[in-house]
Amino acid sequence: MVNNKDFIIKRFKNRFVLFFIKYQLFLSKISLFVLPLLIMVGLIELFVGLYFIITHPIPYDKLYIDLHTYITK
C-alpha cells in the first residue's frame, strides 16, 4: 500500500475515503518503523534477562529447605 499510494489515491474522489486512505498510509508508515524497533528492543531485553539468569544461578545449596521433600496437607 505504501509503494502504490499514488495509484490508490488517484482512483478515489470522495474526501472521506481519501482521508481514510491517507490515515491508513500514515499508520502503515508508523508501523513500518515502530514495530521492528519494538521487536528489536524486546529481543535485546530478552537476551539481557537470559544473560542475567545464566550468570547468576540460584544457590540451591544455601537454601534452608530440602528440595527433595513434597509438601502435603
N, C-alpha and C. Protein backbone atom coordinates (compact mmCIF):
# COMPACT_ATOMS: atom_id res chain seq x y z
N MET A 1 0.83 -1.19 0.00
CA MET A 1 0.00 0.00 0.00
C MET A 1 0.87 1.25 0.00
N VAL A 2 1.98 1.21 0.71
CA VAL A 2 2.86 2.37 0.75
C VAL A 2 3.52 2.60 -0.60
N ASN A 3 3.88 1.52 -1.28
CA ASN A 3 4.55 1.66 -2.58
C ASN A 3 3.62 2.18 -3.68
N ASN A 4 2.35 1.82 -3.62
CA ASN A 4 1.39 2.20 -4.67
C ASN A 4 0.41 3.25 -4.18
N LYS A 5 0.82 4.13 -3.32
CA LYS A 5 -0.12 5.09 -2.74
C LYS A 5 -0.67 6.07 -3.78
N ASP A 6 0.14 6.49 -4.73
CA ASP A 6 -0.35 7.42 -5.76
C ASP A 6 -1.43 6.77 -6.63
N PHE A 7 -1.21 5.54 -6.98
CA PHE A 7 -2.20 4.81 -7.78
C PHE A 7 -3.51 4.65 -7.03
N ILE A 8 -3.43 4.35 -5.74
CA ILE A 8 -4.63 4.14 -4.94
C ILE A 8 -5.38 5.46 -4.71
N ILE A 9 -4.65 6.51 -4.42
CA ILE A 9 -5.28 7.81 -4.12
C ILE A 9 -5.97 8.37 -5.37
N LYS A 10 -5.39 8.17 -6.54
CA LYS A 10 -5.99 8.70 -7.78
C LYS A 10 -7.30 8.03 -8.16
N ARG A 11 -7.56 6.85 -7.64
CA ARG A 11 -8.78 6.13 -8.00
C ARG A 11 -10.01 6.63 -7.27
N PHE A 12 -9.84 7.39 -6.20
CA PHE A 12 -10.98 7.83 -5.38
C PHE A 12 -11.09 9.35 -5.40
N LYS A 13 -12.33 9.82 -5.35
CA LYS A 13 -12.59 11.26 -5.35
C LYS A 13 -13.26 11.72 -4.05
N ASN A 14 -13.88 10.81 -3.34
CA ASN A 14 -14.57 11.16 -2.10
C ASN A 14 -13.55 11.56 -1.04
N ARG A 15 -13.79 12.69 -0.41
CA ARG A 15 -12.80 13.20 0.55
C ARG A 15 -12.72 12.34 1.80
N PHE A 16 -13.81 11.68 2.19
CA PHE A 16 -13.77 10.82 3.37
C PHE A 16 -12.98 9.55 3.09
N VAL A 17 -13.16 9.01 1.89
CA VAL A 17 -12.38 7.83 1.51
C VAL A 17 -10.90 8.20 1.39
N LEU A 18 -10.62 9.35 0.82
CA LEU A 18 -9.24 9.81 0.71
C LEU A 18 -8.63 10.03 2.08
N PHE A 19 -9.41 10.61 2.98
CA PHE A 19 -8.92 10.81 4.34
C PHE A 19 -8.61 9.47 5.00
N PHE A 20 -9.49 8.49 4.81
CA PHE A 20 -9.28 7.17 5.40
C PHE A 20 -8.04 6.51 4.81
N ILE A 21 -7.85 6.62 3.50
CA ILE A 21 -6.68 6.02 2.85
C ILE A 21 -5.40 6.69 3.34
N LYS A 22 -5.42 8.02 3.45
CA LYS A 22 -4.24 8.74 3.94
C LYS A 22 -3.95 8.38 5.40
N TYR A 23 -5.02 8.18 6.18
CA TYR A 23 -4.86 7.76 7.57
C TYR A 23 -4.23 6.37 7.64
N GLN A 24 -4.68 5.46 6.79
CA GLN A 24 -4.11 4.12 6.76
C GLN A 24 -2.66 4.15 6.29
N LEU A 25 -2.35 5.02 5.35
CA LEU A 25 -0.96 5.16 4.91
C LEU A 25 -0.08 5.69 6.04
N PHE A 26 -0.59 6.63 6.79
CA PHE A 26 0.15 7.16 7.94
C PHE A 26 0.41 6.07 8.97
N LEU A 27 -0.61 5.27 9.26
CA LEU A 27 -0.44 4.17 10.22
C LEU A 27 0.53 3.12 9.69
N SER A 28 0.49 2.86 8.41
CA SER A 28 1.41 1.86 7.85
C SER A 28 2.85 2.36 7.88
N LYS A 29 3.06 3.64 7.66
CA LYS A 29 4.42 4.19 7.75
C LYS A 29 4.94 4.12 9.18
N ILE A 30 4.06 4.39 10.14
CA ILE A 30 4.47 4.30 11.54
C ILE A 30 4.80 2.85 11.89
N SER A 31 3.93 1.94 11.49
CA SER A 31 4.15 0.54 11.84
C SER A 31 5.35 -0.05 11.11
N LEU A 32 5.72 0.55 10.00
CA LEU A 32 6.89 0.08 9.25
C LEU A 32 8.17 0.32 10.03
N PHE A 33 8.21 1.35 10.86
CA PHE A 33 9.41 1.67 11.62
C PHE A 33 9.29 1.33 13.10
N VAL A 34 8.13 1.51 13.68
CA VAL A 34 7.97 1.34 15.13
C VAL A 34 7.93 -0.13 15.52
N LEU A 35 7.19 -0.95 14.81
CA LEU A 35 7.07 -2.36 15.18
C LEU A 35 8.40 -3.11 15.12
N PRO A 36 9.20 -2.96 14.07
CA PRO A 36 10.51 -3.63 14.11
C PRO A 36 11.40 -3.10 15.23
N LEU A 37 11.29 -1.82 15.53
CA LEU A 37 12.08 -1.27 16.62
C LEU A 37 11.65 -1.87 17.96
N LEU A 38 10.36 -2.00 18.18
CA LEU A 38 9.88 -2.62 19.41
C LEU A 38 10.28 -4.10 19.50
N ILE A 39 10.25 -4.79 18.38
CA ILE A 39 10.67 -6.19 18.37
C ILE A 39 12.15 -6.30 18.72
N MET A 40 12.97 -5.44 18.16
CA MET A 40 14.40 -5.49 18.46
C MET A 40 14.69 -5.15 19.91
N VAL A 41 14.00 -4.16 20.45
CA VAL A 41 14.19 -3.81 21.86
C VAL A 41 13.75 -4.98 22.75
N GLY A 42 12.66 -5.64 22.40
CA GLY A 42 12.21 -6.79 23.16
C GLY A 42 13.19 -7.94 23.12
N LEU A 43 13.79 -8.19 21.95
CA LEU A 43 14.78 -9.26 21.85
C LEU A 43 16.03 -8.94 22.65
N ILE A 44 16.46 -7.69 22.61
CA ILE A 44 17.64 -7.29 23.40
C ILE A 44 17.35 -7.44 24.88
N GLU A 45 16.16 -7.04 25.31
CA GLU A 45 15.78 -7.18 26.72
C GLU A 45 15.71 -8.66 27.11
N LEU A 46 15.23 -9.50 26.23
CA LEU A 46 15.20 -10.94 26.48
C LEU A 46 16.60 -11.50 26.64
N PHE A 47 17.52 -11.09 25.78
CA PHE A 47 18.90 -11.56 25.87
C PHE A 47 19.57 -11.07 27.14
N VAL A 48 19.30 -9.84 27.55
CA VAL A 48 19.87 -9.33 28.79
C VAL A 48 19.34 -10.12 29.98
N GLY A 49 18.05 -10.42 29.98
CA GLY A 49 17.48 -11.22 31.07
C GLY A 49 18.04 -12.63 31.10
N LEU A 50 18.19 -13.25 29.93
CA LEU A 50 18.78 -14.59 29.89
C LEU A 50 20.23 -14.58 30.34
N TYR A 51 20.97 -13.57 29.97
CA TYR A 51 22.36 -13.45 30.41
C TYR A 51 22.43 -13.33 31.93
N PHE A 52 21.52 -12.56 32.52
CA PHE A 52 21.50 -12.42 33.97
C PHE A 52 21.17 -13.75 34.64
N ILE A 53 20.20 -14.48 34.09
CA ILE A 53 19.84 -15.77 34.68
C ILE A 53 20.98 -16.76 34.56
N ILE A 54 21.71 -16.73 33.45
CA ILE A 54 22.83 -17.66 33.27
C ILE A 54 23.99 -17.32 34.20
N THR A 55 24.28 -16.04 34.36
CA THR A 55 25.44 -15.65 35.15
C THR A 55 25.16 -15.55 36.64
N HIS A 56 23.91 -15.59 37.08
CA HIS A 56 23.56 -15.52 38.49
C HIS A 56 22.67 -16.71 38.85
N PRO A 57 23.25 -17.90 38.99
CA PRO A 57 22.42 -19.07 39.30
C PRO A 57 21.87 -19.00 40.72
N ILE A 58 20.79 -19.70 40.95
CA ILE A 58 20.18 -19.75 42.28
C ILE A 58 21.01 -20.68 43.15
N PRO A 59 21.46 -20.24 44.31
CA PRO A 59 22.29 -21.11 45.18
C PRO A 59 21.41 -22.09 45.96
N TYR A 60 21.10 -23.22 45.34
CA TYR A 60 20.23 -24.21 45.98
C TYR A 60 20.84 -24.77 47.25
N ASP A 61 22.17 -24.86 47.31
CA ASP A 61 22.80 -25.44 48.49
C ASP A 61 22.72 -24.53 49.71
N LYS A 62 22.50 -23.25 49.51
CA LYS A 62 22.42 -22.31 50.63
C LYS A 62 20.98 -22.07 51.11
N LEU A 63 20.00 -22.69 50.45
CA LEU A 63 18.63 -22.59 50.91
C LEU A 63 18.46 -23.45 52.16
N TYR A 64 17.60 -23.03 53.07
CA TYR A 64 17.43 -23.74 54.33
C TYR A 64 16.30 -24.76 54.29
N ILE A 65 15.94 -25.20 53.08
CA ILE A 65 14.90 -26.22 52.96
C ILE A 65 15.43 -27.35 52.11
N ASP A 66 14.84 -28.52 52.28
CA ASP A 66 15.20 -29.67 51.48
C ASP A 66 14.30 -29.68 50.25
N LEU A 67 14.91 -29.60 49.09
CA LEU A 67 14.14 -29.51 47.86
C LEU A 67 13.59 -30.86 47.41
N HIS A 68 13.97 -31.94 48.08
CA HIS A 68 13.50 -33.27 47.70
C HIS A 68 12.24 -33.68 48.44
N THR A 69 11.75 -32.88 49.31
CA THR A 69 10.54 -33.22 50.05
C THR A 69 9.33 -32.54 49.40
N TYR A 70 8.21 -33.21 49.51
CA TYR A 70 6.96 -32.66 48.98
C TYR A 70 6.11 -32.15 50.15
N ILE A 71 5.44 -31.08 49.95
CA ILE A 71 4.56 -30.53 50.97
C ILE A 71 3.20 -31.17 50.83
N THR A 72 2.72 -31.80 51.91
CA THR A 72 1.39 -32.43 51.88
C THR A 72 0.53 -31.80 52.95
N LYS A 73 -0.78 -32.00 52.82
CA LYS A 73 -1.71 -31.42 53.78
C LYS A 73 -1.74 -32.19 55.06
